[in-house]
Amino acid sequence: METPDARFFVSRPVRGAQADPLSAFSRSCLADIITAANHVILGKDREVRLALACLLARGHLLIEDLPGVGKTTLAQALARLLGLRFSRIQFTSDMLPADVIGVSIYDRERNAFRFLPGAIFSQVLLADEINRATPKTQSALLEAMEERQVTVDGETRPLPEPFFVIATQNPSTQIGTFPLPESQLDRFLLRLELGYPDRDAERLLLENGGRREALPTLTASLTPEGIAPLQQAAGEVHAAPALLDYVQALVETTRTSPRFIHGLSPRAALALLSMARAWAFIGGRRMVMPEDVQVVLPGVARHRLRLADGAGYARLEDIVALIHSVPVT
């Protein structure tokens, strides 16, 4: 991997203390959240940081993995540590859009219709096993993710802020799944796989039992009002022109490479830069480095790139090959 030159480290002038997005308070809060989450989700520090970065980048997270590896626990832990209202929807094949969004019912006493909000009106929504629902129900959720509002009976209702969807899906090889099409996968800023724990982490689980019972003991390190300033600060992390050249080179390579059916879209390029800024912010840096882009690239790109050989979506080794093919110049 090439060593970046000084052009990637050019910082914008800082005007006063408020211009510095990396205050001691924000660093302390983020460190506390990551440390506490790692006590519940053992051996998955990078995945915890990536999930938190996805929230700071104002995106939504898709976790694809086998049942029982901690997907639900991760979502609940982040909601508790961030002080956010949490709801969970267990998707099934007979679920309707109204089960997600809500429904209007007639109130006899008031002689008017009254809206009963669905689980989507929460700040952290766990859409569990989203690919077990029909495409119609999937679309109801994904439209709300994009617009951050829902329209029922002609009335537009805004969703709460922040609004963070963590969707889980089982591998498509399992029975009873409806794979998300590319246009809907693209709504997720980041896709993660938790995977099996390493040997030491699994030994701790065997010795001390599961960590779900530790969730009620977690205390919030932030309030919902405290997240917006962090999201704004993460979005202000500087990306030098040479760094933008590097992002463009990666994106353009996916569009010309015979390895992929089609390359990354402009929206995917923006997603990559947003995630790289948030990752740098969590790391305590005021500017994005090529290493930040490389860390988040697999999670941003894999569910957006299909392989030309018919083998499905890009694998980790395909993204690693992409990184090595584009020099840091």
C-alpha atoms as a PDB file:
ATOM      1  CA  MET A   1       0.000   0.000   0.000  1.00  0.00           C
ATOM      2  CA  GLU A   2       1.374   3.376  -1.015  1.00  0.00           C
ATOM      3  CA  THR A   3       2.345   5.943   1.605  1.00  0.00           C
ATOM      4  CA  PRO A   4       0.234   9.106   1.269  1.00  0.00           C
ATOM      5  CA  ASP A   5       2.092  12.336   0.700  1.00  0.00           C
ATOM      6  CA  ALA A   6       1.629  15.624   2.527  1.00  0.00           C
ATOM      7  CA  ARG A   7      -1.137  16.862   0.221  1.00  0.00           C
ATOM      8  CA  PHE A   8      -3.611  14.590   2.025  1.00  0.00           C
ATOM      9  CA  PHE A   9      -2.916  16.308   5.321  1.00  0.00           C
ATOM     10  CA  VAL A  10      -3.626  19.917   4.315  1.00  0.00           C
ATOM     11  CA  SER A  11      -6.125  21.304   6.804  1.00  0.00           C
ATOM     12  CA  ARG A  12      -8.476  24.229   6.448  1.00  0.00           C
ATOM     13  CA  PRO A  13      -7.822  27.259   8.636  1.00  0.00           C
ATOM     14  CA  VAL A  14      -9.452  26.922  12.041  1.00  0.00           C
ATOM     15  CA  ARG A  15     -11.273  30.009  13.252  1.00  0.00           C
ATOM     16  CA  GLY A  16     -11.721  29.890  16.996  1.00  0.00           C
ATOM     17  CA  ALA A  17     -12.394  26.979  19.279  1.00  0.00           C
ATOM     18  CA  GLN A  18     -15.841  26.279  17.797  1.00  0.00           C
ATOM     19  CA  ALA A  19     -14.336  25.520  14.384  1.00  0.00           C
ATOM     20  CA  ASP A  20     -12.593  22.437  15.733  1.00  0.00           C
ATOM     21  CA  PRO A  21     -14.928  19.442  15.224  1.00  0.00           C
ATOM     22  CA  LEU A  22     -12.853  17.281  17.557  1.00  0.00           C
ATOM     23  CA  SER A  23     -13.601  18.719  20.966  1.00  0.00           C
ATOM     24  CA  ALA A  24     -12.525  16.874  24.089  1.00  0.00           C
ATOM     25  CA  PHE A  25     -16.198  16.349  24.942  1.00  0.00           C
ATOM     26  CA  SER A  26     -17.029  14.642  21.669  1.00  0.00           C
ATOM     27  CA  ARG A  27     -13.937  12.445  21.845  1.00  0.00           C
ATOM     28  CA  SER A  28     -14.795  11.422  25.396  1.00  0.00           C
ATOM     29  CA  CYS A  29     -18.429  10.605  24.544  1.00  0.00           C
ATOM     30  CA  LEU A  30     -17.532   8.543  21.493  1.00  0.00           C
ATOM     31  CA  ALA A  31     -14.820   6.681  23.393  1.00  0.00           C
ATOM     32  CA  ASP A  32     -17.265   5.860  26.197  1.00  0.00           C
ATOM     33  CA  ILE A  33     -19.841   4.571  23.722  1.00  0.00           C
ATOM     34  CA  ILE A  34     -17.338   2.363  21.904  1.00  0.00           C
ATOM     35  CA  THR A  35     -15.877   0.984  25.156  1.00  0.00           C
ATOM     36  CA  ALA A  36     -19.300   0.159  26.578  1.00  0.00           C
ATOM     37  CA  ALA A  37     -20.472  -1.446  23.330  1.00  0.00           C
ATOM     38  CA  ASN A  38     -17.360  -3.608  23.231  1.00  0.00           C
ATOM     39  CA  HIS A  39     -18.268  -5.005  26.647  1.00  0.00           C
ATOM     40  CA  VAL A  40     -21.485  -6.318  25.121  1.00  0.00           C
ATOM     41  CA  ILE A  41     -20.379  -7.140  21.556  1.00  0.00           C
ATOM     42  CA  LEU A  42     -17.173  -9.037  22.200  1.00  0.00           C
ATOM     43  CA  GLY A  43     -14.318  -9.007  19.719  1.00  0.00           C
ATOM     44  CA  LYS A  44     -16.017  -6.701  17.201  1.00  0.00           C
ATOM     45  CA  ASP A  45     -14.402  -3.315  17.802  1.00  0.00           C
ATOM     46  CA  ARG A  46     -14.131  -2.411  14.119  1.00  0.00           C
ATOM     47  CA  GLU A  47     -17.742  -3.373  13.422  1.00  0.00           C
ATOM     48  CA  VAL A  48     -18.928  -1.298  16.399  1.00  0.00           C
ATOM     49  CA  ARG A  49     -16.966   1.715  15.146  1.00  0.00           C
ATOM     50  CA  LEU A  50     -18.290   1.285  11.616  1.00  0.00           C
ATOM     51  CA  ALA A  51     -21.882   1.124  12.866  1.00  0.00           C
ATOM     52  CA  LEU A  52     -21.364   4.294  14.899  1.00  0.00           C
ATOM     53  CA  ALA A  53     -19.721   5.998  11.924  1.00  0.00           C
ATOM     54  CA  CYS A  54     -22.740   5.097   9.800  1.00  0.00           C
ATOM     55  CA  LEU A  55     -25.003   6.952  12.238  1.00  0.00           C
ATOM     56  CA  LEU A  56     -22.675   9.975  12.310  1.00  0.00           C
ATOM     57  CA  ALA A  57     -22.720   9.999   8.497  1.00  0.00           C
ATOM     58  CA  ARG A  58     -26.550  10.187   8.614  1.00  0.00           C
ATOM     59  CA  GLY A  59     -26.907   6.841   6.873  1.00  0.00           C
ATOM     60  CA  HIS A  60     -28.614   3.518   7.463  1.00  0.00           C
ATOM     61  CA  LEU A  61     -26.982   0.181   8.210  1.00  0.00           C
ATOM     62  CA  LEU A  62     -27.582  -3.275   6.748  1.00  0.00           C
ATOM     63  CA  ILE A  63     -26.183  -6.263   8.623  1.00  0.00           C
ATOM     64  CA  GLU A  64     -26.193  -9.560   6.762  1.00  0.00           C
ATOM     65  CA  ASP A  65     -25.187 -12.642   8.682  1.00  0.00           C
ATOM     66  CA  LEU A  66     -26.346 -15.877  10.211  1.00  0.00           C
ATOM     67  CA  PRO A  67     -28.757 -15.812  13.168  1.00  0.00           C
ATOM     68  CA  GLY A  68     -27.153 -15.713  16.594  1.00  0.00           C
ATOM     69  CA  VAL A  69     -24.015 -13.670  15.954  1.00  0.00           C
ATOM     70  CA  GLY A  70     -25.141 -10.494  17.757  1.00  0.00           C
ATOM     71  CA  LYS A  71     -26.945  -8.363  15.170  1.00  0.00           C
ATOM     72  CA  THR A  72     -29.900  -7.513  17.424  1.00  0.00           C
ATOM     73  CA  THR A  73     -27.684  -7.007  20.464  1.00  0.00           C
ATOM     74  CA  LEU A  74     -25.548  -4.487  18.566  1.00  0.00           C
ATOM     75  CA  ALA A  75     -28.618  -2.458  17.570  1.00  0.00           C
ATOM     76  CA  GLN A  76     -30.018  -2.403  21.102  1.00  0.00           C
ATOM     77  CA  ALA A  77     -26.661  -1.509  22.637  1.00  0.00           C
ATOM     78  CA  LEU A  78     -26.161   1.475  20.315  1.00  0.00           C
ATOM     79  CA  ALA A  79     -29.675   2.759  20.997  1.00  0.00           C
ATOM     80  CA  ARG A  80     -29.179   2.604  24.767  1.00  0.00           C
ATOM     81  CA  LEU A  81     -25.735   4.179  24.706  1.00  0.00           C
ATOM     82  CA  LEU A  82     -26.906   7.009  22.453  1.00  0.00           C
ATOM     83  CA  GLY A  83     -30.029   7.687  24.508  1.00  0.00           C
ATOM     84  CA  LEU A  84     -32.352   7.036  21.565  1.00  0.00           C
ATOM     85  CA  ARG A  85     -35.859   5.569  21.411  1.00  0.00           C
ATOM     86  CA  PHE A  86     -35.661   2.030  20.076  1.00  0.00           C
ATOM     87  CA  SER A  87     -38.221  -0.063  18.213  1.00  0.00           C
ATOM     88  CA  ARG A  88     -37.968  -3.469  16.647  1.00  0.00           C
ATOM     89  CA  ILE A  89     -39.989  -4.925  13.796  1.00  0.00           C
ATOM     90  CA  GLN A  90     -39.753  -8.658  13.171  1.00  0.00           C
ATOM     91  CA  PHE A  91     -40.426  -8.924   9.447  1.00  0.00           C
ATOM     92  CA  THR A  92     -42.486 -11.840   8.188  1.00  0.00           C
ATOM     93  CA  SER A  93     -43.924 -12.814   4.833  1.00  0.00           C
ATOM     94  CA  ASP A  94     -47.476 -11.750   5.804  1.00  0.00           C
ATOM     95  CA  MET A  95     -46.529  -8.275   7.083  1.00  0.00           C
ATOM     96  CA  LEU A  96     -48.228  -5.283   5.457  1.00  0.00           C
ATOM     97  CA  PRO A  97     -46.887  -1.729   4.936  1.00  0.00           C
ATOM     98  CA  ALA A  98     -49.360  -0.441   7.541  1.00  0.00           C
ATOM     99  CA  ASP A  99     -47.670  -2.664  10.131  1.00  0.00           C
ATOM    100  CA  VAL A 100     -44.511  -0.610   9.603  1.00  0.00           C
ATOM    101  CA  ILE A 101     -45.821   2.909   8.968  1.00  0.00           C
ATOM    102  CA  GLY A 102     -49.056   2.982  10.941  1.00  0.00           C
ATOM    103  CA  VAL A 103     -52.733   3.225  10.182  1.00  0.00           C
ATOM    104  CA  SER A 104     -55.622   5.663  10.541  1.00  0.00           C
ATOM    105  CA  ILE A 105     -58.654   4.430  12.496  1.00  0.00           C
ATOM    106  CA  TYR A 106     -62.057   6.004  12.958  1.00  0.00           C
ATOM    107  CA  ASP A 107     -62.621   7.504  16.414  1.00  0.00           C
ATOM    108  CA  ARG A 108     -66.361   7.506  17.156  1.00  0.00           C
ATOM    109  CA  GLU A 109     -66.062   9.882  20.097  1.00  0.00           C
ATOM    110  CA  ARG A 110     -64.245  12.525  18.075  1.00  0.00           C
ATOM    111  CA  ASN A 111     -66.067  11.720  14.827  1.00  0.00           C
ATOM    112  CA  ALA A 112     -62.739  11.776  12.998  1.00  0.00           C
ATOM    113  CA  PHE A 113     -59.925   9.535  11.921  1.00  0.00           C
ATOM    114  CA  ARG A 114     -56.989   9.177  14.286  1.00  0.00           C
ATOM    115  CA  PHE A 115     -53.546   8.112  13.186  1.00  0.00           C
ATOM    116  CA  LEU A 116     -51.849   5.335  15.117  1.00  0.00           C
ATOM    117  CA  PRO A 117     -48.121   5.569  14.349  1.00  0.00           C
ATOM    118  CA  GLY A 118     -46.227   2.406  13.550  1.00  0.00           C
ATOM    119  CA  ALA A 119     -42.875   1.279  14.858  1.00  0.00           C
ATOM    120  CA  ILE A 120     -41.108   3.370  12.231  1.00  0.00           C
ATOM    121  CA  PHE A 121     -41.684   6.466  14.400  1.00  0.00           C
ATOM    122  CA  SER A 122     -38.624   5.792  16.536  1.00  0.00           C
ATOM    123  CA  GLN A 123     -35.080   7.056  16.502  1.00  0.00           C
ATOM    124  CA  VAL A 124     -33.397   3.675  16.114  1.00  0.00           C
ATOM    125  CA  LEU A 125     -35.446   1.133  14.194  1.00  0.00           C
ATOM    126  CA  LEU A 126     -34.293  -2.467  14.051  1.00  0.00           C
ATOM    127  CA  ALA A 127     -35.798  -4.016  10.934  1.00  0.00           C
ATOM    128  CA  ASP A 128     -35.103  -7.628  11.801  1.00  0.00           C
ATOM    129  CA  GLU A 129     -34.858 -10.103   8.912  1.00  0.00           C
ATOM    130  CA  ILE A 130     -36.016  -7.532   6.387  1.00  0.00           C
ATOM    131  CA  ASN A 131     -35.661  -9.976   3.516  1.00  0.00           C
ATOM    132  CA  ARG A 132     -38.385 -12.210   4.959  1.00  0.00           C
ATOM    133  CA  ALA A 133     -40.993  -9.544   4.100  1.00  0.00           C
ATOM    134  CA  THR A 134     -42.496  -9.125   0.650  1.00  0.00           C
ATOM    135  CA  PRO A 135     -41.075  -6.469  -1.693  1.00  0.00           C
ATOM    136  CA  LYS A 136     -44.156  -4.275  -1.107  1.00  0.00           C
ATOM    137  CA  THR A 137     -43.496  -4.091   2.630  1.00  0.00           C
ATOM    138  CA  GLN A 138     -39.769  -3.652   2.091  1.00  0.00           C
ATOM    139  CA  SER A 139     -40.499  -0.671  -0.154  1.00  0.00           C
ATOM    140  CA  ALA A 140     -42.646   1.009   2.497  1.00  0.00           C
ATOM    141  CA  LEU A 141     -39.698   1.041   4.885  1.00  0.00           C
ATOM    142  CA  LEU A 142     -37.093   2.005   2.326  1.00  0.00           C
ATOM    143  CA  GLU A 143     -39.104   4.969   1.040  1.00  0.00           C
ATOM    144  CA  ALA A 144     -39.265   6.307   4.592  1.00  0.00           C
ATOM    145  CA  MET A 145     -35.508   5.821   4.909  1.00  0.00           C
ATOM    146  CA  GLU A 146     -34.883   7.931   1.833  1.00  0.00           C
ATOM    147  CA  GLU A 147     -37.364  10.736   2.504  1.00  0.00           C
ATOM    148  CA  ARG A 148     -37.268  10.608   6.341  1.00  0.00           C
ATOM    149  CA  GLN A 149     -41.004  11.108   6.308  1.00  0.00           C
ATOM    150  CA  VAL A 150     -44.137   9.094   5.567  1.00  0.00           C
ATOM    151  CA  THR A 151     -47.400  10.067   3.891  1.00  0.00           C
ATOM    152  CA  VAL A 152     -50.616   8.528   5.197  1.00  0.00           C
ATOM    153  CA  ASP A 153     -54.055   9.559   3.932  1.00  0.00           C
ATOM    154  CA  GLY A 154     -52.550  12.531   2.135  1.00  0.00           C
ATOM    155  CA  GLU A 155     -50.804  13.922   5.206  1.00  0.00           C
ATOM    156  CA  THR A 156     -47.022  14.014   5.404  1.00  0.00           C
ATOM    157  CA  ARG A 157     -45.578  13.126   8.790  1.00  0.00           C
ATOM    158  CA  PRO A 158     -41.888  13.718   9.531  1.00  0.00           C
ATOM    159  CA  LEU A 159     -39.887  11.002  11.220  1.00  0.00           C
ATOM    160  CA  PRO A 160     -37.964  11.777  14.417  1.00  0.00           C
ATOM    161  CA  GLU A 161     -34.406  13.055  14.433  1.00  0.00           C
ATOM    162  CA  PRO A 162     -32.067  11.343  14.388  1.00  0.00           C
ATOM    163  CA  PHE A 163     -33.592   8.481  12.387  1.00  0.00           C
ATOM    164  CA  PHE A 164     -31.342   5.452  12.081  1.00  0.00           C
ATOM    165  CA  VAL A 165     -32.432   2.162  10.546  1.00  0.00           C
ATOM    166  CA  ILE A 166     -30.459  -0.975  11.297  1.00  0.00           C
ATOM    167  CA  ALA A 167     -31.798  -3.727   9.064  1.00  0.00           C
ATOM    168  CA  THR A 168     -30.707  -7.328   9.332  1.00  0.00           C
ATOM    169  CA  GLN A 169     -31.085  -9.946   6.673  1.00  0.00           C
ATOM    170  CA  ASN A 170     -30.346 -13.608   6.551  1.00  0.00           C
ATOM    171  CA  PRO A 171     -28.196 -15.022   3.759  1.00  0.00           C
ATOM    172  CA  SER A 172     -30.224 -15.454   0.565  1.00  0.00           C
ATOM    173  CA  THR A 173     -29.481 -19.186   0.628  1.00  0.00           C
ATOM    174  CA  GLN A 174     -31.848 -19.607   3.573  1.00  0.00           C
ATOM    175  CA  ILE A 175     -35.446 -20.628   2.972  1.00  0.00           C
ATOM    176  CA  GLY A 176     -38.200 -18.005   2.820  1.00  0.00           C
ATOM    177  CA  THR A 177     -36.246 -14.901   1.836  1.00  0.00           C
ATOM    178  CA  PHE A 178     -37.029 -12.132  -0.681  1.00  0.00           C
ATOM    179  CA  PRO A 179     -33.674 -10.638  -1.717  1.00  0.00           C
ATOM    180  CA  LEU A 180     -33.495  -6.850  -1.759  1.00  0.00           C
ATOM    181  CA  PRO A 181     -33.050  -5.496  -5.306  1.00  0.00           C
ATOM    182  CA  GLU A 182     -30.105  -3.274  -6.139  1.00  0.00           C
ATOM    183  CA  SER A 183     -32.137  -0.062  -5.990  1.00  0.00           C
ATOM    184  CA  GLN A 184     -33.177  -0.832  -2.419  1.00  0.00           C
ATOM    185  CA  LEU A 185     -29.765  -2.056  -1.302  1.00  0.00           C
ATOM    186  CA  ASP A 186     -28.381   1.289  -2.453  1.00  0.00           C
ATOM    187  CA  ARG A 187     -30.479   3.034   0.234  1.00  0.00           C
ATOM    188  CA  PHE A 188     -28.180   1.564   2.875  1.00  0.00           C
ATOM    189  CA  LEU A 189     -25.045   3.597   3.368  1.00  0.00           C
ATOM    190  CA  LEU A 190     -23.159   0.662   4.856  1.00  0.00           C
ATOM    191  CA  ARG A 191     -23.370  -3.120   4.844  1.00  0.00           C
ATOM    192  CA  LEU A 192     -21.647  -5.175   7.528  1.00  0.00           C
ATOM    193  CA  GLU A 193     -21.060  -8.796   8.395  1.00  0.00           C
ATOM    194  CA  LEU A 194     -20.367  -9.504  12.058  1.00  0.00           C
ATOM    195  CA  GLY A 195     -19.104 -13.039  11.573  1.00  0.00           C
ATOM    196  CA  TYR A 196     -18.205 -15.533  14.251  1.00  0.00           C
ATOM    197  CA  PRO A 197     -16.362 -14.266  17.348  1.00  0.00           C
ATOM    198  CA  ASP A 198     -12.682 -15.024  17.682  1.00  0.00           C
ATOM    199  CA  ARG A 199     -11.583 -17.798  20.034  1.00  0.00           C
ATOM    200  CA  ASP A 200     -10.925 -15.542  23.039  1.00  0.00           C
ATOM    201  CA  ALA A 201     -14.245 -13.697  22.709  1.00  0.00           C
ATOM    202  CA  GLU A 202     -16.176 -16.925  22.361  1.00  0.00           C
ATOM    203  CA  ARG A 203     -14.433 -18.351  25.409  1.00  0.00           C
ATOM    204  CA  LEU A 204     -15.637 -15.362  27.450  1.00  0.00           C
ATOM    205  CA  LEU A 205     -19.164 -16.023  26.220  1.00  0.00           C
ATOM    206  CA  LEU A 206     -18.942 -19.664  27.224  1.00  0.00           C
ATOM    207  CA  GLU A 207     -17.566 -18.809  30.657  1.00  0.00           C
ATOM    208  CA  ASN A 208     -19.902 -15.919  31.468  1.00  0.00           C
ATOM    209  CA  GLY A 209     -22.956 -16.559  29.318  1.00  0.00           C
ATOM    210  CA  GLY A 210     -24.536 -14.334  26.687  1.00  0.00           C
ATOM    211  CA  ARG A 211     -24.287 -10.569  26.900  1.00  0.00           C
ATOM    212  CA  ARG A 212     -27.939  -9.725  26.242  1.00  0.00           C
ATOM    213  CA  GLU A 213     -28.643  -9.523  29.966  1.00  0.00           C
ATOM    214  CA  ALA A 214     -26.051  -6.735  30.229  1.00  0.00           C
ATOM    215  CA  LEU A 215     -28.097  -4.434  27.988  1.00  0.00           C
ATOM    216  CA  PRO A 216     -30.314  -3.015  30.785  1.00  0.00           C
ATOM    217  CA  THR A 217     -27.191  -1.946  32.670  1.00  0.00           C
ATOM    218  CA  LEU A 218     -25.964   0.291  29.837  1.00  0.00           C
ATOM    219  CA  THR A 219     -26.352   4.010  30.466  1.00  0.00           C
ATOM    220  CA  ALA A 220     -26.603   6.691  27.812  1.00  0.00           C
ATOM    221  CA  SER A 221     -23.500   8.735  27.096  1.00  0.00           C
ATOM    222  CA  LEU A 222     -25.430  11.179  24.898  1.00  0.00           C
ATOM    223  CA  THR A 223     -28.865  12.673  24.510  1.00  0.00           C
ATOM    224  CA  PRO A 224     -30.709  12.747  21.184  1.00  0.00           C
ATOM    225  CA  GLU A 225     -30.040  16.488  21.008  1.00  0.00           C
ATOM    226  CA  GLY A 226     -26.311  15.835  21.351  1.00  0.00           C
ATOM    227  CA  ILE A 227     -26.097  13.662  18.245  1.00  0.00           C
ATOM    228  CA  ALA A 228     -26.889  16.348  15.661  1.00  0.00           C
ATOM    229  CA  PRO A 229     -23.785  18.443  16.540  1.00  0.00           C
ATOM    230  CA  LEU A 230     -21.628  15.327  16.227  1.00  0.00           C
ATOM    231  CA  GLN A 231     -23.149  14.516  12.844  1.00  0.00           C
ATOM    232  CA  GLN A 232     -22.493  18.067  11.701  1.00  0.00           C
ATOM    233  CA  ALA A 233     -18.907  17.956  12.973  1.00  0.00           C
ATOM    234  CA  ALA A 234     -18.292  14.626  11.253  1.00  0.00           C
ATOM    235  CA  GLY A 235     -19.539  16.103   7.982  1.00  0.00           C
ATOM    236  CA  GLU A 236     -17.095  19.010   8.334  1.00  0.00           C
ATOM    237  CA  VAL A 237     -13.970  16.832   8.544  1.00  0.00           C
ATOM    238  CA  HIS A 238     -11.740  18.133   5.780  1.00  0.00           C
ATOM    239  CA  ALA A 239     -11.070  16.219   2.570  1.00  0.00           C
ATOM    240  CA  ALA A 240      -8.152  17.698   0.622  1.00  0.00           C
ATOM    241  CA  PRO A 241      -8.298  17.917  -3.189  1.00  0.00           C
ATOM    242  CA  ALA A 242      -5.775  15.078  -3.461  1.00  0.00           C
ATOM    243  CA  LEU A 243      -8.030  12.904  -1.290  1.00  0.00           C
ATOM    244  CA  LEU A 244     -10.985  13.658  -3.574  1.00  0.00           C
ATOM    245  CA  ASP A 245      -8.782  12.657  -6.525  1.00  0.00           C
ATOM    246  CA  TYR A 246      -8.187   9.325  -4.806  1.00  0.00           C
ATOM    247  CA  VAL A 247     -11.911   8.746  -4.206  1.00  0.00           C
ATOM    248  CA  GLN A 248     -12.651   9.567  -7.830  1.00  0.00           C
ATOM    249  CA  ALA A 249      -9.931   7.199  -9.015  1.00  0.00           C
ATOM    250  CA  LEU A 250     -11.431   4.347  -6.987  1.00  0.00           C
ATOM    251  CA  VAL A 251     -14.932   5.039  -8.300  1.00  0.00           C
ATOM    252  CA  GLU A 252     -13.782   5.387 -11.907  1.00  0.00           C
ATOM    253  CA  THR A 253     -11.872   2.105 -11.683  1.00  0.00           C
ATOM    254  CA  THR A 254     -15.048   0.250 -10.697  1.00  0.00           C
ATOM    255  CA  ARG A 255     -16.752   1.696 -13.784  1.00  0.00           C
ATOM    256  CA  THR A 256     -14.038   0.561 -16.214  1.00  0.00           C
ATOM    257  CA  SER A 257     -13.016  -2.727 -14.604  1.00  0.00           C
ATOM    258  CA  PRO A 258     -14.193  -5.905 -16.370  1.00  0.00           C
ATOM    259  CA  ARG A 259     -14.543  -7.443 -12.914  1.00  0.00           C
ATOM    260  CA  PHE A 260     -17.872  -5.672 -12.258  1.00  0.00           C
ATOM    261  CA  ILE A 261     -21.115  -5.447 -14.241  1.00  0.00           C
ATOM    262  CA  HIS A 262     -21.410  -1.748 -13.458  1.00  0.00           C
ATOM    263  CA  GLY A 263     -19.462   0.666 -11.318  1.00  0.00           C
ATOM    264  CA  LEU A 264     -20.256   2.815  -8.311  1.00  0.00           C
ATOM    265  CA  SER A 265     -22.763   5.621  -8.829  1.00  0.00           C
ATOM    266  CA  PRO A 266     -22.257   9.261  -7.821  1.00  0.00           C
ATOM    267  CA  ARG A 267     -24.453   8.577  -4.786  1.00  0.00           C
ATOM    268  CA  ALA A 268     -22.126   5.746  -3.818  1.00  0.00           C
ATOM    269  CA  ALA A 269     -19.138   8.089  -4.171  1.00  0.00           C
ATOM    270  CA  LEU A 270     -20.818  10.553  -1.807  1.00  0.00           C
ATOM    271  CA  ALA A 271     -21.552   7.700   0.588  1.00  0.00           C
ATOM    272  CA  LEU A 272     -17.900   6.644   0.520  1.00  0.00           C
ATOM    273  CA  LEU A 273     -16.710  10.150   1.337  1.00  0.00           C
ATOM    274  CA  SER A 274     -19.304  10.590   4.107  1.00  0.00           C
ATOM    275  CA  MET A 275     -18.280   7.333   5.745  1.00  0.00           C
ATOM    276  CA  ALA A 276     -14.584   8.174   5.436  1.00  0.00           C
ATOM    277  CA  ARG A 277     -15.201  11.535   7.127  1.00  0.00           C
ATOM    278  CA  ALA A 278     -17.126   9.873   9.962  1.00  0.00           C
ATOM    279  CA  TRP A 279     -14.423   7.217  10.400  1.00  0.00           C
ATOM    280  CA  ALA A 280     -11.735   9.899  10.587  1.00  0.00           C
ATOM    281  CA  PHE A 281     -13.861  11.831  13.083  1.00  0.00           C
ATOM    282  CA  ILE A 282     -14.154   8.794  15.365  1.00  0.00           C
ATOM    283  CA  GLY A 283     -10.401   8.334  15.045  1.00  0.00           C
ATOM    284  CA  GLY A 284      -9.799  11.882  16.316  1.00  0.00           C
ATOM    285  CA  ARG A 285      -8.620  13.401  13.035  1.00  0.00           C
ATOM    286  CA  ARG A 286      -9.655  16.665  11.400  1.00  0.00           C
ATOM    287  CA  MET A 287      -8.914  15.512   7.866  1.00  0.00           C
ATOM    288  CA  VAL A 288      -9.591  12.374   5.836  1.00  0.00           C
ATOM    289  CA  MET A 289      -6.657  10.160   4.903  1.00  0.00           C
ATOM    290  CA  PRO A 290      -6.550   7.457   2.212  1.00  0.00           C
ATOM    291  CA  GLU A 291      -6.490   4.817   4.961  1.00  0.00           C
ATOM    292  CA  ASP A 292      -9.900   6.062   6.135  1.00  0.00           C
ATOM    293  CA  VAL A 293     -11.325   5.561   2.651  1.00  0.00           C
ATOM    294  CA  GLN A 294      -9.803   2.090   2.413  1.00  0.00           C
ATOM    295  CA  VAL A 295     -11.249   0.962   5.753  1.00  0.00           C
ATOM    296  CA  VAL A 296     -14.828   1.918   4.878  1.00  0.00           C
ATOM    297  CA  LEU A 297     -14.721   0.998   1.176  1.00  0.00           C
ATOM    298  CA  PRO A 298     -15.717  -2.692   1.599  1.00  0.00           C
ATOM    299  CA  GLY A 299     -18.801  -1.811   3.644  1.00  0.00           C
ATOM    300  CA  VAL A 300     -19.847   0.926   1.219  1.00  0.00           C
ATOM    301  CA  ALA A 301     -19.085  -0.838  -2.071  1.00  0.00           C
ATOM    302  CA  ARG A 302     -19.695  -4.562  -1.719  1.00  0.00           C
ATOM    303  CA  HIS A 303     -23.502  -4.417  -1.803  1.00  0.00           C
ATOM    304  CA  ARG A 304     -23.364  -1.980  -4.733  1.00  0.00           C
ATOM    305  CA  LEU A 305     -21.063  -3.968  -7.035  1.00  0.00           C
ATOM    306  CA  ARG A 306     -22.094  -7.145  -8.840  1.00  0.00           C
ATOM    307  CA  LEU A 307     -19.432  -9.404 -10.292  1.00  0.00           C
ATOM    308  CA  ALA A 308     -19.366  -9.891 -14.056  1.00  0.00           C
ATOM    309  CA  ASP A 309     -18.696 -13.617 -13.697  1.00  0.00           C
ATOM    310  CA  GLY A 310     -22.152 -14.190 -12.210  1.00  0.00           C
ATOM    311  CA  ALA A 311     -20.822 -14.977  -8.723  1.00  0.00           C
ATOM    312  CA  GLY A 312     -23.095 -12.399  -7.057  1.00  0.00           C
ATOM    313  CA  TYR A 313     -21.997  -9.321  -5.186  1.00  0.00           C
ATOM    314  CA  ALA A 314     -18.387  -8.305  -4.695  1.00  0.00           C
ATOM    315  CA  ARG A 315     -16.366 -10.202  -2.117  1.00  0.00           C
ATOM    316  CA  LEU A 316     -13.842  -8.745   0.276  1.00  0.00           C
ATOM    317  CA  GLU A 317     -10.976  -9.961  -1.890  1.00  0.00           C
ATOM    318  CA  ASP A 318     -12.440  -8.077  -4.868  1.00  0.00           C
ATOM    319  CA  ILE A 319     -12.388  -4.811  -2.915  1.00  0.00           C
ATOM    320  CA  VAL A 320      -8.859  -5.494  -1.676  1.00  0.00           C
ATOM    321  CA  ALA A 321      -7.773  -6.012  -5.286  1.00  0.00           C
ATOM    322  CA  LEU A 322      -9.471  -2.742  -6.215  1.00  0.00           C
ATOM    323  CA  ILE A 323      -7.591  -0.877  -3.479  1.00  0.00           C
ATOM    324  CA  HIS A 324      -4.238  -2.294  -4.608  1.00  0.00           C
ATOM    325  CA  SER A 325      -4.976  -1.399  -8.234  1.00  0.00           C
ATOM    326  CA  VAL A 326      -5.426   2.302  -7.509  1.00  0.00           C
ATOM    327  CA  PRO A 327      -2.236   4.001  -6.299  1.00  0.00           C
ATOM    328  CA  VAL A 328      -2.262   6.849  -3.814  1.00  0.00           C
ATOM    329  CA  THR A 329      -0.656   9.576  -5.920  1.00  0.00           C
END
